[in-house]
PDB file of N, CA and C in Angstrom:
ATOM      1  N   UNK A   1       2.864 -29.069   4.025  1.00  0.00           N
ATOM      2  CA  UNK A   1       3.011 -29.904   3.322  1.00  0.00           C
ATOM      3  C   UNK A   1       2.888 -30.745   3.169  1.00  0.00           C
ATOM      4  N   UNK A   2       2.952 -31.809   3.461  1.00  0.00           N
ATOM      5  CA  UNK A   2       2.767 -33.260   3.017  1.00  0.00           C
ATOM      6  C   UNK A   2       1.427 -34.211   2.002  1.00  0.00           C
ATOM      7  N   UNK A   3       0.609 -33.265   2.924  1.00  0.00           N
ATOM      8  CA  UNK A   3      -1.201 -33.147   2.514  1.00  0.00           C
ATOM      9  C   UNK A   3      -1.201 -32.742   1.318  1.00  0.00           C
ATOM     10  N   UNK A   4       0.075 -31.623   0.855  1.00  0.00           N
ATOM     11  CA  UNK A   4      -0.888 -31.462  -0.261  1.00  0.00           C
ATOM     12  C   UNK A   4      -0.412 -33.298  -1.337  1.00  0.00           C
ATOM     13  N   UNK A   5       0.575 -33.642  -0.852  1.00  0.00           N
ATOM     14  CA  UNK A   5       1.070 -34.748  -2.097  1.00  0.00           C
ATOM     15  C   UNK A   5       0.158 -36.077  -2.350  1.00  0.00           C
ATOM     16  N   UNK A   6      -0.932 -35.398  -0.877  1.00  0.00           N
ATOM     17  CA  UNK A   6      -1.952 -36.967  -0.819  1.00  0.00           C
ATOM     18  C   UNK A   6      -2.918 -36.082  -1.935  1.00  0.00           C
ATOM     19  N   UNK A   7      -3.499 -34.651  -1.657  1.00  0.00           N
ATOM     20  CA  UNK A   7      -4.065 -34.337  -2.912  1.00  0.00           C
ATOM     21  C   UNK A   7      -3.662 -34.934  -4.511  1.00  0.00           C
ATOM     22  N   UNK A   8      -2.640 -34.723  -4.272  1.00  0.00           N
ATOM     23  CA  UNK A   8      -2.022 -34.771  -5.704  1.00  0.00           C
ATOM     24  C   UNK A   8      -1.882 -36.033  -5.781  1.00  0.00           C
ATOM     25  N   UNK A   9      -1.983 -36.894  -4.894  1.00  0.00           N
ATOM     26  CA  UNK A   9      -2.360 -38.504  -5.358  1.00  0.00           C
ATOM     27  C   UNK A   9      -3.568 -38.979  -5.802  1.00  0.00           C
ATOM     28  N   UNK A  10      -4.237 -38.392  -4.765  1.00  0.00           N
ATOM     29  CA  UNK A  10      -5.714 -38.664  -5.247  1.00  0.00           C
ATOM     30  C   UNK A  10      -6.118 -38.585  -6.332  1.00  0.00           C
ATOM     31  N   UNK A  11      -5.471 -36.719  -6.713  1.00  0.00           N
ATOM     32  CA  UNK A  11      -6.019 -36.134  -8.201  1.00  0.00           C
ATOM     33  C   UNK A  11      -5.392 -37.193  -9.171  1.00  0.00           C
ATOM     34  N   UNK A  12      -4.348 -37.997  -9.198  1.00  0.00           N
ATOM     35  CA  UNK A  12      -3.646 -38.790 -10.040  1.00  0.00           C
ATOM     36  C   UNK A  12      -4.379 -40.033 -10.822  1.00  0.00           C
ATOM     37  N   UNK A  13      -4.887 -40.448  -8.694  1.00  0.00           N
ATOM     38  CA  UNK A  13      -5.590 -41.802  -8.397  1.00  0.00           C
ATOM     39  C   UNK A  13      -6.688 -41.588  -9.521  1.00  0.00           C
ATOM     40  N   UNK A  14      -7.957 -40.553  -9.305  1.00  0.00           N
ATOM     41  CA  UNK A  14      -9.152 -40.071  -9.479  1.00  0.00           C
ATOM     42  C   UNK A  14      -8.958 -39.865 -11.753  1.00  0.00           C
ATOM     43  N   UNK A  15      -7.916 -39.143 -12.382  1.00  0.00           N
ATOM     44  CA  UNK A  15      -7.640 -39.024 -13.774  1.00  0.00           C
ATOM     45  C   UNK A  15      -7.887 -40.453 -13.897  1.00  0.00           C
ATOM     46  N   UNK A  16      -6.197 -41.562 -12.848  1.00  0.00           N
ATOM     47  CA  UNK A  16      -6.586 -42.739 -13.648  1.00  0.00           C
ATOM     48  C   UNK A  16      -7.620 -43.797 -13.635  1.00  0.00           C
ATOM     49  N   UNK A  17      -8.999 -43.590 -12.923  1.00  0.00           N
ATOM     50  CA  UNK A  17      -9.672 -44.792 -12.712  1.00  0.00           C
ATOM     51  C   UNK A  17     -10.509 -44.202 -13.656  1.00  0.00           C
ATOM     52  N   UNK A  18     -10.706 -42.579 -14.019  1.00  0.00           N
ATOM     53  CA  UNK A  18     -11.948 -41.663 -15.078  1.00  0.00           C
ATOM     54  C   UNK A  18     -10.955 -41.468 -16.399  1.00  0.00           C
ATOM     55  N   UNK A  19      -9.823 -42.600 -16.845  1.00  0.00           N
ATOM     56  CA  UNK A  19      -9.480 -42.276 -17.786  1.00  0.00           C
ATOM     57  C   UNK A  19     -10.483 -42.629 -19.426  1.00  0.00           C
ATOM     58  N   UNK A  20     -10.918 -43.376 -19.220  1.00  0.00           N
ATOM     59  CA  UNK A  20     -12.054 -43.421 -20.185  1.00  0.00           C
ATOM     60  C   UNK A  20     -13.027 -42.859 -21.168  1.00  0.00           C
ATOM     61  N   UNK A  21     -13.557 -41.625 -19.209  1.00  0.00           N
ATOM     62  CA  UNK A  21     -14.211 -40.884 -19.555  1.00  0.00           C
ATOM     63  C   UNK A  21     -13.951 -39.688 -19.987  1.00  0.00           C
ATOM     64  N   UNK A  22     -12.822 -40.048 -19.525  1.00  0.00           N
ATOM     65  CA  UNK A  22     -11.872 -38.567 -20.381  1.00  0.00           C
ATOM     66  C   UNK A  22     -12.022 -38.384 -21.175  1.00  0.00           C
ATOM     67  N   UNK A  23     -11.039 -40.049 -22.617  1.00  0.00           N
ATOM     68  CA  UNK A  23     -11.053 -39.985 -23.383  1.00  0.00           C
ATOM     69  C   UNK A  23     -12.436 -39.713 -23.854  1.00  0.00           C
ATOM     70  N   UNK A  24     -13.219 -40.046 -23.411  1.00  0.00           N
ATOM     71  CA  UNK A  24     -14.596 -39.575 -24.474  1.00  0.00           C
ATOM     72  C   UNK A  24     -14.879 -38.319 -24.461  1.00  0.00           C
ATOM     73  N   UNK A  25     -14.658 -37.251 -23.543  1.00  0.00           N
ATOM     74  CA  UNK A  25     -14.807 -35.579 -23.505  1.00  0.00           C
ATOM     75  C   UNK A  25     -13.522 -35.402 -24.621  1.00  0.00           C
ATOM     76  N   UNK A  26     -12.783 -35.819 -24.763  1.00  0.00           N
ATOM     77  CA  UNK A  26     -12.133 -35.323 -25.725  1.00  0.00           C
ATOM     78  C   UNK A  26     -12.233 -35.846 -27.613  1.00  0.00           C
ATOM     79  N   UNK A  27     -13.913 -36.563 -27.241  1.00  0.00           N
ATOM     80  CA  UNK A  27     -14.062 -36.999 -29.012  1.00  0.00           C
ATOM     81  C   UNK A  27     -15.597 -35.846 -29.479  1.00  0.00           C
ATOM     82  N   UNK A  28     -15.917 -35.204 -28.175  1.00  0.00           N
ATOM     83  CA  UNK A  28     -17.211 -34.099 -28.507  1.00  0.00           C
ATOM     84  C   UNK A  28     -16.729 -32.974 -28.405  1.00  0.00           C
ATOM     85  N   UNK A  29     -17.261 -32.564 -29.100  1.00  0.00           N
ATOM     86  CA  UNK A  29     -16.928 -30.607 -29.456  1.00  0.00           C
ATOM     87  C   UNK A  29     -17.159 -30.477 -27.742  1.00  0.00           C
ATOM     88  N   UNK A  30     -18.272 -30.193 -27.193  1.00  0.00           N
ATOM     89  CA  UNK A  30     -18.460 -29.893 -25.865  1.00  0.00           C
ATOM     90  C   UNK A  30     -17.420 -30.163 -25.156  1.00  0.00           C
ATOM     91  N   UNK A  31     -17.128 -31.231 -25.280  1.00  0.00           N
ATOM     92  CA  UNK A  31     -15.907 -31.419 -23.587  1.00  0.00           C
ATOM     93  C   UNK A  31     -15.036 -30.945 -24.441  1.00  0.00           C
ATOM     94  N   UNK A  32     -14.070 -31.034 -25.274  1.00  0.00           N
ATOM     95  CA  UNK A  32     -13.284 -30.315 -26.177  1.00  0.00           C
ATOM     96  C   UNK A  32     -12.914 -28.680 -25.849  1.00  0.00           C
ATOM     97  N   UNK A  33     -14.030 -28.062 -25.754  1.00  0.00           N
ATOM     98  CA  UNK A  33     -15.133 -26.478 -25.734  1.00  0.00           C
ATOM     99  C   UNK A  33     -14.326 -26.577 -23.958  1.00  0.00           C
ATOM    100  N   UNK A  34     -14.981 -27.048 -23.033  1.00  0.00           N
ATOM    101  CA  UNK A  34     -15.050 -27.095 -22.056  1.00  0.00           C
ATOM    102  C   UNK A  34     -13.589 -27.240 -21.265  1.00  0.00           C
ATOM    103  N   UNK A  35     -12.856 -27.985 -21.687  1.00  0.00           N
ATOM    104  CA  UNK A  35     -11.360 -28.723 -21.177  1.00  0.00           C
ATOM    105  C   UNK A  35     -10.506 -27.023 -22.410  1.00  0.00           C
ATOM    106  N   UNK A  36     -10.635 -26.750 -23.365  1.00  0.00           N
ATOM    107  CA  UNK A  36      -9.997 -25.864 -23.836  1.00  0.00           C
ATOM    108  C   UNK A  36     -10.548 -24.739 -22.760  1.00  0.00           C
ATOM    109  N   UNK A  37     -11.298 -24.436 -22.429  1.00  0.00           N
ATOM    110  CA  UNK A  37     -11.458 -22.702 -22.103  1.00  0.00           C
ATOM    111  C   UNK A  37     -10.640 -23.237 -20.303  1.00  0.00           C
ATOM    112  N   UNK A  38     -11.076 -24.659 -19.576  1.00  0.00           N
ATOM    113  CA  UNK A  38     -10.536 -24.991 -18.440  1.00  0.00           C
ATOM    114  C   UNK A  38      -8.695 -24.425 -18.718  1.00  0.00           C
ATOM    115  N   UNK A  39      -8.264 -24.298 -19.393  1.00  0.00           N
ATOM    116  CA  UNK A  39      -6.532 -24.837 -19.930  1.00  0.00           C
ATOM    117  C   UNK A  39      -6.179 -22.928 -19.787  1.00  0.00           C
ATOM    118  N   UNK A  40      -7.148 -22.543 -20.071  1.00  0.00           N
ATOM    119  CA  UNK A  40      -6.956 -20.936 -20.844  1.00  0.00           C
ATOM    120  C   UNK A  40      -6.988 -20.050 -19.362  1.00  0.00           C
ATOM    121  N   UNK A  41      -7.855 -20.740 -18.643  1.00  0.00           N
ATOM    122  CA  UNK A  41      -8.165 -19.996 -17.018  1.00  0.00           C
ATOM    123  C   UNK A  41      -6.941 -20.393 -16.708  1.00  0.00           C
ATOM    124  N   UNK A  42      -6.826 -21.904 -16.470  1.00  0.00           N
ATOM    125  CA  UNK A  42      -5.389 -22.127 -15.764  1.00  0.00           C
ATOM    126  C   UNK A  42      -4.168 -22.132 -15.607  1.00  0.00           C
ATOM    127  N   UNK A  43      -4.151 -21.230 -17.797  1.00  0.00           N
ATOM    128  CA  UNK A  43      -3.304 -20.621 -18.411  1.00  0.00           C
ATOM    129  C   UNK A  43      -3.281 -19.265 -17.429  1.00  0.00           C
ATOM    130  N   UNK A  44      -4.118 -18.046 -17.188  1.00  0.00           N
ATOM    131  CA  UNK A  44      -4.449 -16.298 -17.551  1.00  0.00           C
ATOM    132  C   UNK A  44      -4.046 -16.868 -15.612  1.00  0.00           C
ATOM    133  N   UNK A  45      -4.520 -17.880 -14.854  1.00  0.00           N
ATOM    134  CA  UNK A  45      -4.153 -17.890 -13.406  1.00  0.00           C
ATOM    135  C   UNK A  45      -2.153 -17.696 -13.369  1.00  0.00           C
ATOM    136  N   UNK A  46      -1.954 -17.659 -14.302  1.00  0.00           N
ATOM    137  CA  UNK A  46      -0.401 -17.875 -13.662  1.00  0.00           C
ATOM    138  C   UNK A  46       0.283 -16.282 -14.073  1.00  0.00           C
ATOM    139  N   UNK A  47      -0.424 -15.722 -14.856  1.00  0.00           N
ATOM    140  CA  UNK A  47      -0.508 -14.832 -14.776  1.00  0.00           C
ATOM    141  C   UNK A  47       0.251 -13.617 -14.010  1.00  0.00           C
ATOM    142  N   UNK A  48       1.519 -12.520 -13.415  1.00  0.00           N
ATOM    143  CA  UNK A  48       1.494 -11.746 -12.898  1.00  0.00           C
ATOM    144  C   UNK A  48      -0.276 -10.445 -13.189  1.00  0.00           C
ATOM    145  N   UNK A  49       0.025  -9.651 -11.819  1.00  0.00           N
ATOM    146  CA  UNK A  49      -1.242  -8.820 -11.523  1.00  0.00           C
ATOM    147  C   UNK A  49      -0.511  -7.638 -12.659  1.00  0.00           C
ATOM    148  N   UNK A  50      -1.405  -6.924 -12.965  1.00  0.00           N
ATOM    149  CA  UNK A  50      -0.915  -5.719 -13.442  1.00  0.00           C
ATOM    150  C   UNK A  50      -0.139  -5.022 -12.794  1.00  0.00           C
ATOM    151  N   UNK A  51       1.182  -3.982 -13.460  1.00  0.00           N
ATOM    152  CA  UNK A  51       1.816  -3.733 -12.572  1.00  0.00           C
ATOM    153  C   UNK A  51       1.639  -1.578 -13.576  1.00  0.00           C
ATOM    154  N   UNK A  52       2.274  -0.786 -12.584  1.00  0.00           N
ATOM    155  CA  UNK A  52       2.347   0.529 -13.569  1.00  0.00           C
ATOM    156  C   UNK A  52       3.242   0.899 -14.002  1.00  0.00           C
ATOM    157  N   UNK A  53       3.480   2.354 -14.949  1.00  0.00           N
ATOM    158  CA  UNK A  53       4.407   2.409 -15.373  1.00  0.00           C
ATOM    159  C   UNK A  53       5.474   1.981 -14.736  1.00  0.00           C
ATOM    160  N   UNK A  54       5.465   2.236 -13.207  1.00  0.00           N
ATOM    161  CA  UNK A  54       7.007   2.651 -12.330  1.00  0.00           C
ATOM    162  C   UNK A  54       7.152   0.787 -11.965  1.00  0.00           C
ATOM    163  N   UNK A  55       6.146   0.062 -12.921  1.00  0.00           N
ATOM    164  CA  UNK A  55       6.821  -1.294 -12.393  1.00  0.00           C
ATOM    165  C   UNK A  55       6.758  -1.856 -10.592  1.00  0.00           C
ATOM    166  N   UNK A  56       5.484  -1.305 -10.470  1.00  0.00           N
ATOM    167  CA  UNK A  56       4.527  -1.547  -9.416  1.00  0.00           C
ATOM    168  C   UNK A  56       3.351  -1.918  -9.072  1.00  0.00           C
ATOM    169  N   UNK A  57       3.113  -3.175  -7.986  1.00  0.00           N
ATOM    170  CA  UNK A  57       2.061  -3.651  -8.506  1.00  0.00           C
ATOM    171  C   UNK A  57       0.995  -2.552  -7.720  1.00  0.00           C
ATOM    172  N   UNK A  58      -0.318  -1.808  -7.351  1.00  0.00           N
ATOM    173  CA  UNK A  58      -0.598  -1.318  -7.031  1.00  0.00           C
ATOM    174  C   UNK A  58      -0.701  -1.454  -5.505  1.00  0.00           C
ATOM    175  N   UNK A  59      -1.001  -1.999  -4.688  1.00  0.00           N
ATOM    176  CA  UNK A  59      -1.380  -2.706  -3.589  1.00  0.00           C
ATOM    177  C   UNK A  59      -0.123  -2.646  -2.950  1.00  0.00           C
ATOM    178  N   UNK A  60       1.186  -2.633  -3.766  1.00  0.00           N
ATOM    179  CA  UNK A  60       2.782  -1.993  -3.372  1.00  0.00           C
ATOM    180  C   UNK A  60       2.798  -0.785  -2.835  1.00  0.00           C
ATOM    181  N   UNK A  61       1.628  -0.030  -3.614  1.00  0.00           N
ATOM    182  CA  UNK A  61       2.122   1.503  -3.275  1.00  0.00           C
ATOM    183  C   UNK A  61       1.112   1.795  -2.012  1.00  0.00           C
ATOM    184  N   UNK A  62       0.527   1.183  -1.669  1.00  0.00           N
ATOM    185  CA  UNK A  62      -0.668   1.188  -0.682  1.00  0.00           C
ATOM    186  C   UNK A  62       0.524   0.820   0.711  1.00  0.00           C
ATOM    187  N   UNK A  63       1.121  -0.169   0.194  1.00  0.00           N
ATOM    188  CA  UNK A  63       1.582  -0.908   1.908  1.00  0.00           C
ATOM    189  C   UNK A  63       2.507  -0.251   2.026  1.00  0.00           C
ATOM    190  N   UNK A  64       3.849   0.087   0.723  1.00  0.00           N
ATOM    191  CA  UNK A  64       4.641   1.784   0.384  1.00  0.00           C
ATOM    192  C   UNK A  64       4.039   3.285   1.574  1.00  0.00           C
ATOM    193  N   UNK A  65       2.934   3.175   0.861  1.00  0.00           N
ATOM    194  CA  UNK A  65       2.562   4.664   1.961  1.00  0.00           C
ATOM    195  C   UNK A  65       2.318   4.260   3.349  1.00  0.00           C
ATOM    196  N   UNK A  66       1.362   3.153   3.803  1.00  0.00           N
ATOM    197  CA  UNK A  66       0.985   2.768   5.549  1.00  0.00           C
ATOM    198  C   UNK A  66       2.612   2.855   5.779  1.00  0.00           C
ATOM    199  N   UNK A  67       3.338   2.163   4.859  1.00  0.00           N
ATOM    200  CA  UNK A  67       5.139   1.740   5.701  1.00  0.00           C
ATOM    201  C   UNK A  67       5.323   3.475   6.306  1.00  0.00           C
ATOM    202  N   UNK A  68       5.745   4.229   5.304  1.00  0.00           N
ATOM    203  CA  UNK A  68       5.961   5.813   5.641  1.00  0.00           C
ATOM    204  C   UNK A  68       5.166   7.060   6.518  1.00  0.00           C
ATOM    205  N   UNK A  69       4.589   5.984   7.463  1.00  0.00           N
ATOM    206  CA  UNK A  69       3.445   6.695   8.738  1.00  0.00           C
ATOM    207  C   UNK A  69       4.543   6.119   9.736  1.00  0.00           C
ATOM    208  N   UNK A  70       4.058   7.104  10.881  1.00  0.00           N
ATOM    209  CA  UNK A  70       4.500   6.575  12.487  1.00  0.00           C
ATOM    210  C   UNK A  70       3.291   6.212  12.709  1.00  0.00           C
ATOM    211  N   UNK A  71       3.981   5.381  14.119  1.00  0.00           N
ATOM    212  CA  UNK A  71       2.893   4.591  14.959  1.00  0.00           C
ATOM    213  C   UNK A  71       1.631   5.078  15.310  1.00  0.00           C
ATOM    214  N   UNK A  72       1.892   6.309  15.132  1.00  0.00           N
ATOM    215  CA  UNK A  72       0.521   7.273  15.982  1.00  0.00           C
ATOM    216  C   UNK A  72      -0.745   7.570  15.157  1.00  0.00           C
ATOM    217  N   UNK A  73       0.302   7.499  13.631  1.00  0.00           N
ATOM    218  CA  UNK A  73      -0.253   7.816  13.103  1.00  0.00           C
ATOM    219  C   UNK A  73      -1.309   6.834  12.050  1.00  0.00           C
ATOM    220  N   UNK A  74      -0.289   5.255  12.086  1.00  0.00           N
ATOM    221  CA  UNK A  74      -1.175   4.464  12.119  1.00  0.00           C
ATOM    222  C   UNK A  74      -1.967   4.131  12.868  1.00  0.00           C
ATOM    223  N   UNK A  75      -1.984   4.243  14.196  1.00  0.00           N
ATOM    224  CA  UNK A  75      -2.982   3.668  15.067  1.00  0.00           C
ATOM    225  C   UNK A  75      -3.841   4.962  14.973  1.00  0.00           C
ATOM    226  N   UNK A  76      -3.971   5.632  14.202  1.00  0.00           N
ATOM    227  CA  UNK A  76      -4.922   6.640  14.244  1.00  0.00           C
ATOM    228  C   UNK A  76      -6.168   6.660  13.015  1.00  0.00           C
ATOM    229  N   UNK A  77      -5.337   5.821  12.284  1.00  0.00           N
ATOM    230  CA  UNK A  77      -5.980   5.108  10.901  1.00  0.00           C
ATOM    231  C   UNK A  77      -6.607   4.246  11.201  1.00  0.00           C
ATOM    232  N   UNK A  78      -6.067   3.348  12.268  1.00  0.00           N
ATOM    233  CA  UNK A  78      -6.944   2.151  12.525  1.00  0.00           C
ATOM    234  C   UNK A  78      -8.178   2.331  13.531  1.00  0.00           C
ATOM    235  N   UNK A  79      -7.956   3.607  14.222  1.00  0.00           N
ATOM    236  CA  UNK A  79      -9.390   4.015  15.145  1.00  0.00           C
ATOM    237  C   UNK A  79      -8.663   3.625  16.250  1.00  0.00           C
ATOM    238  N   UNK A  80      -7.549   3.102  16.617  1.00  0.00           N
ATOM    239  CA  UNK A  80      -7.212   2.703  17.804  1.00  0.00           C
ATOM    240  C   UNK A  80      -6.725   4.120  18.282  1.00  0.00           C
ATOM    241  N   UNK A  81      -6.295   4.015  20.029  1.00  0.00           N
ATOM    242  CA  UNK A  81      -4.957   4.703  20.927  1.00  0.00           C
ATOM    243  C   UNK A  81      -3.963   4.149  20.260  1.00  0.00           C
ATOM    244  N   UNK A  82      -3.668   5.251  20.359  1.00  0.00           N
ATOM    245  CA  UNK A  82      -2.194   5.343  20.029  1.00  0.00           C
ATOM    246  C   UNK A  82      -1.308   4.545  21.332  1.00  0.00           C
ATOM    247  N   UNK A  83      -1.561   4.828  23.181  1.00  0.00           N
ATOM    248  CA  UNK A  83      -1.201   3.742  23.391  1.00  0.00           C
ATOM    249  C   UNK A  83      -1.327   2.640  23.585  1.00  0.00           C
ATOM    250  N   UNK A  84      -2.227   2.113  23.222  1.00  0.00           N
ATOM    251  CA  UNK A  84      -2.646   0.326  23.471  1.00  0.00           C
ATOM    252  C   UNK A  84      -1.772  -0.038  22.283  1.00  0.00           C
ATOM    253  N   UNK A  85      -2.020   0.880  21.240  1.00  0.00           N
ATOM    254  CA  UNK A  85      -0.990   0.355  19.835  1.00  0.00           C
ATOM    255  C   UNK A  85       0.765   0.295  20.437  1.00  0.00           C
ATOM    256  N   UNK A  86       1.061   1.371  20.993  1.00  0.00           N
ATOM    257  CA  UNK A  86       2.153   1.002  21.397  1.00  0.00           C
ATOM    258  C   UNK A  86       2.531  -0.249  22.279  1.00  0.00           C
ATOM    259  N   UNK A  87       2.006  -0.097  23.401  1.00  0.00           N
ATOM    260  CA  UNK A  87       2.068  -1.147  24.298  1.00  0.00           C
ATOM    261  C   UNK A  87       2.085  -2.715  23.884  1.00  0.00           C
ATOM    262  N   UNK A  88       0.869  -2.334  22.198  1.00  0.00           N
ATOM    263  CA  UNK A  88       1.035  -4.318  21.623  1.00  0.00           C
ATOM    264  C   UNK A  88       2.480  -4.132  21.168  1.00  0.00           C
ATOM    265  N   UNK A  89       2.837  -3.429  20.553  1.00  0.00           N
ATOM    266  CA  UNK A  89       4.290  -3.039  19.373  1.00  0.00           C
ATOM    267  C   UNK A  89       4.854  -3.837  20.712  1.00  0.00           C
ATOM    268  N   UNK A  90       4.867  -3.262  21.842  1.00  0.00           N
ATOM    269  CA  UNK A  90       6.537  -3.004  22.445  1.00  0.00           C
ATOM    270  C   UNK A  90       6.613  -4.366  22.810  1.00  0.00           C
ATOM    271  N   UNK A  91       5.388  -5.110  23.069  1.00  0.00           N
ATOM    272  CA  UNK A  91       4.948  -6.526  23.078  1.00  0.00           C
ATOM    273  C   UNK A  91       5.537  -7.568  22.239  1.00  0.00           C
ATOM    274  N   UNK A  92       5.422  -6.933  21.535  1.00  0.00           N
ATOM    275  CA  UNK A  92       5.812  -8.470  20.297  1.00  0.00           C
ATOM    276  C   UNK A  92       7.211  -8.083  19.770  1.00  0.00           C
ATOM    277  N   UNK A  93       7.814  -6.595  20.611  1.00  0.00           N
ATOM    278  CA  UNK A  93       9.986  -6.972  20.895  1.00  0.00           C
ATOM    279  C   UNK A  93       9.643  -5.844  19.439  1.00  0.00           C
ATOM    280  N   UNK A  94       9.255  -5.166  19.127  1.00  0.00           N
ATOM    281  CA  UNK A  94       8.951  -3.420  18.459  1.00  0.00           C
ATOM    282  C   UNK A  94       9.947  -3.057  19.736  1.00  0.00           C
ATOM    283  N   UNK A  95      10.523  -2.396  18.985  1.00  0.00           N
ATOM    284  CA  UNK A  95      11.014  -1.006  20.491  1.00  0.00           C
ATOM    285  C   UNK A  95      11.010   0.805  19.740  1.00  0.00           C
ATOM    286  N   UNK A  96       9.210   1.083  20.643  1.00  0.00           N
ATOM    287  CA  UNK A  96       8.899   2.153  20.178  1.00  0.00           C
ATOM    288  C   UNK A  96       8.721   2.579  21.335  1.00  0.00           C
ATOM    289  N   UNK A  97       8.819   4.207  21.276  1.00  0.00           N
ATOM    290  CA  UNK A  97       8.989   4.637  22.631  1.00  0.00           C
ATOM    291  C   UNK A  97       8.036   5.494  22.677  1.00  0.00           C
ATOM    292  N   UNK A  98       8.215   6.595  21.650  1.00  0.00           N
ATOM    293  CA  UNK A  98       6.882   7.378  21.470  1.00  0.00           C
ATOM    294  C   UNK A  98       5.275   7.399  20.868  1.00  0.00           C
ATOM    295  N   UNK A  99       5.752   6.746  19.696  1.00  0.00           N
ATOM    296  CA  UNK A  99       4.776   6.686  18.763  1.00  0.00           C
ATOM    297  C   UNK A  99       5.323   7.082  17.800  1.00  0.00           C
ATOM    298  N   UNK A 100       6.353   8.027  17.727  1.00  0.00           N
ATOM    299  CA  UNK A 100       6.533   8.881  16.823  1.00  0.00           C
ATOM    300  C   UNK A 100       7.466   8.627  15.605  1.00  0.00           C
ATOM    301  N   UNK A 101       7.990   7.056  15.817  1.00  0.00           N
ATOM    302  CA  UNK A 101       8.537   6.062  14.847  1.00  0.00           C
ATOM    303  C   UNK A 101       8.111   5.661  13.283  1.00  0.00           C
ATOM    304  N   UNK A 102       8.832   5.789  12.709  1.00  0.00           N
ATOM    305  CA  UNK A 102       7.927   5.461  11.107  1.00  0.00           C
ATOM    306  C   UNK A 102       8.292   4.153  10.958  1.00  0.00           C
ATOM    307  N   UNK A 103       6.973   3.076  10.611  1.00  0.00           N
ATOM    308  CA  UNK A 103       7.202   1.818  10.552  1.00  0.00           C
ATOM    309  C   UNK A 103       8.325   1.408   9.879  1.00  0.00           C
ATOM    310  N   UNK A 104       8.403   1.929   8.452  1.00  0.00           N
ATOM    311  CA  UNK A 104      10.088   1.329   7.777  1.00  0.00           C
ATOM    312  C   UNK A 104      10.837   1.460   8.443  1.00  0.00           C
ATOM    313  N   UNK A 105      11.288   2.737   9.593  1.00  0.00           N
ATOM    314  CA  UNK A 105      12.074   2.340  10.225  1.00  0.00           C
ATOM    315  C   UNK A 105      12.464   1.694  11.473  1.00  0.00           C
ATOM    316  N   UNK A 106      11.548   1.386  12.264  1.00  0.00           N
ATOM    317  CA  UNK A 106      10.922   0.405  12.999  1.00  0.00           C
ATOM    318  C   UNK A 106      10.956  -1.549  12.649  1.00  0.00           C
ATOM    319  N   UNK A 107      11.488  -1.610  11.189  1.00  0.00           N
ATOM    320  CA  UNK A 107      11.080  -3.055  10.616  1.00  0.00           C
ATOM    321  C   UNK A 107      12.926  -2.625   9.963  1.00  0.00           C
ATOM    322  N   UNK A 108      13.169  -1.527   9.756  1.00  0.00           N
ATOM    323  CA  UNK A 108      14.673  -1.747   9.311  1.00  0.00           C
ATOM    324  C   UNK A 108      14.354  -2.111   7.430  1.00  0.00           C
ATOM    325  N   UNK A 109      12.493  -1.835   6.858  1.00  0.00           N
ATOM    326  CA  UNK A 109      12.347  -1.871   5.976  1.00  0.00           C
ATOM    327  C   UNK A 109      12.203  -3.540   5.437  1.00  0.00           C
ATOM    328  N   UNK A 110      12.276  -4.640   6.285  1.00  0.00           N
ATOM    329  CA  UNK A 110      11.957  -5.786   6.231  1.00  0.00           C
ATOM    330  C   UNK A 110      10.270  -5.978   5.672  1.00  0.00           C
ATOM    331  N   UNK A 111      10.014  -6.513   4.411  1.00  0.00           N
ATOM    332  CA  UNK A 111       8.329  -6.961   4.503  1.00  0.00           C
ATOM    333  C   UNK A 111       8.074  -7.401   5.302  1.00  0.00           C
ATOM    334  N   UNK A 112       8.246  -8.601   6.357  1.00  0.00           N
ATOM    335  CA  UNK A 112       7.981  -9.585   6.843  1.00  0.00           C
ATOM    336  C   UNK A 112       7.080  -8.982   8.133  1.00  0.00           C
ATOM    337  N   UNK A 113       7.777  -8.158   8.813  1.00  0.00           N
ATOM    338  CA  UNK A 113       8.170  -7.462   9.618  1.00  0.00           C
ATOM    339  C   UNK A 113       7.257  -6.571   9.934  1.00  0.00           C
ATOM    340  N   UNK A 114       6.952  -5.407   8.301  1.00  0.00           N
ATOM    341  CA  UNK A 114       6.134  -4.508   8.321  1.00  0.00           C
ATOM    342  C   UNK A 114       4.706  -5.358   8.883  1.00  0.00           C
ATOM    343  N   UNK A 115       4.336  -6.459   7.771  1.00  0.00           N
ATOM    344  CA  UNK A 115       3.131  -6.904   7.886  1.00  0.00           C
ATOM    345  C   UNK A 115       3.260  -7.886   9.225  1.00  0.00           C
ATOM    346  N   UNK A 116       3.802  -8.300   9.780  1.00  0.00           N
ATOM    347  CA  UNK A 116       3.295  -8.162  11.086  1.00  0.00           C
ATOM    348  C   UNK A 116       3.037  -7.192  12.329  1.00  0.00           C
ATOM    349  N   UNK A 117       3.620  -5.927  11.373  1.00  0.00           N
ATOM    350  CA  UNK A 117       2.646  -4.801  12.545  1.00  0.00           C
ATOM    351  C   UNK A 117       1.817  -4.392  11.886  1.00  0.00           C
ATOM    352  N   UNK A 118       1.181  -4.671  10.766  1.00  0.00           N
ATOM    353  CA  UNK A 118       0.024  -4.153  10.703  1.00  0.00           C
ATOM    354  C   UNK A 118      -1.081  -5.226  10.922  1.00  0.00           C
ATOM    355  N   UNK A 119      -0.139  -6.158  11.161  1.00  0.00           N
ATOM    356  CA  UNK A 119      -0.852  -7.410  11.110  1.00  0.00           C
ATOM    357  C   UNK A 119      -1.798  -6.884  12.992  1.00  0.00           C
ATOM    358  N   UNK A 120      -0.799  -6.504  14.142  1.00  0.00           N
ATOM    359  CA  UNK A 120      -0.982  -6.486  14.618  1.00  0.00           C
ATOM    360  C   UNK A 120      -2.307  -5.256  15.368  1.00  0.00           C
ATOM    361  N   UNK A 121      -1.669  -4.229  14.721  1.00  0.00           N
ATOM    362  CA  UNK A 121      -1.837  -2.673  14.619  1.00  0.00           C
ATOM    363  C   UNK A 121      -3.665  -2.615  14.228  1.00  0.00           C
ATOM    364  N   UNK A 122      -3.600  -3.475  12.922  1.00  0.00           N
ATOM    365  CA  UNK A 122      -5.713  -3.828  12.170  1.00  0.00           C
ATOM    366  C   UNK A 122      -6.307  -4.743  12.489  1.00  0.00           C
ATOM    367  N   UNK A 123      -5.984  -5.773  13.850  1.00  0.00           N
ATOM    368  CA  UNK A 123      -6.498  -6.544  14.449  1.00  0.00           C
ATOM    369  C   UNK A 123      -7.743  -6.554  14.770  1.00  0.00           C
TER     370      UNK A 123
END
C-alpha cells in the first residue's frame, strides 16, 4: 500500500516540474483536445459494467451457475479427475466427502471461499 504513495508522490513531482509545459498544452487546440479526451476516458473508467434487467453483471451469472455445480461436475468441467480435485479441496480445508457436495453449500455462499475453490480446481 505504501508503494502506491511513492507513485502518487512521483506523479505530483512530475506535474510540478513540468507545470510550464502543462500550461502550454492548454494554450493549443490540439493540447486541449487530447487533455479533454483523456479526461473523458478517465471518467468512463469509473462507470460500472453493464447490468442486465435483474441487476446482475453477466460474470455474476456465470459464477452463480458454477457455484450450483457439485465438486464432481466442476472437476469434469475443468477436465480433471474428481478424486484428485476432492483431495486438493480436502488439503485446503474444505469438507468434501464424496464429491456430490454443491460448491455453494461447501462455502455457505461466501464468495471469497468460492473463488478459492475455483482457483484450486481450475489451476
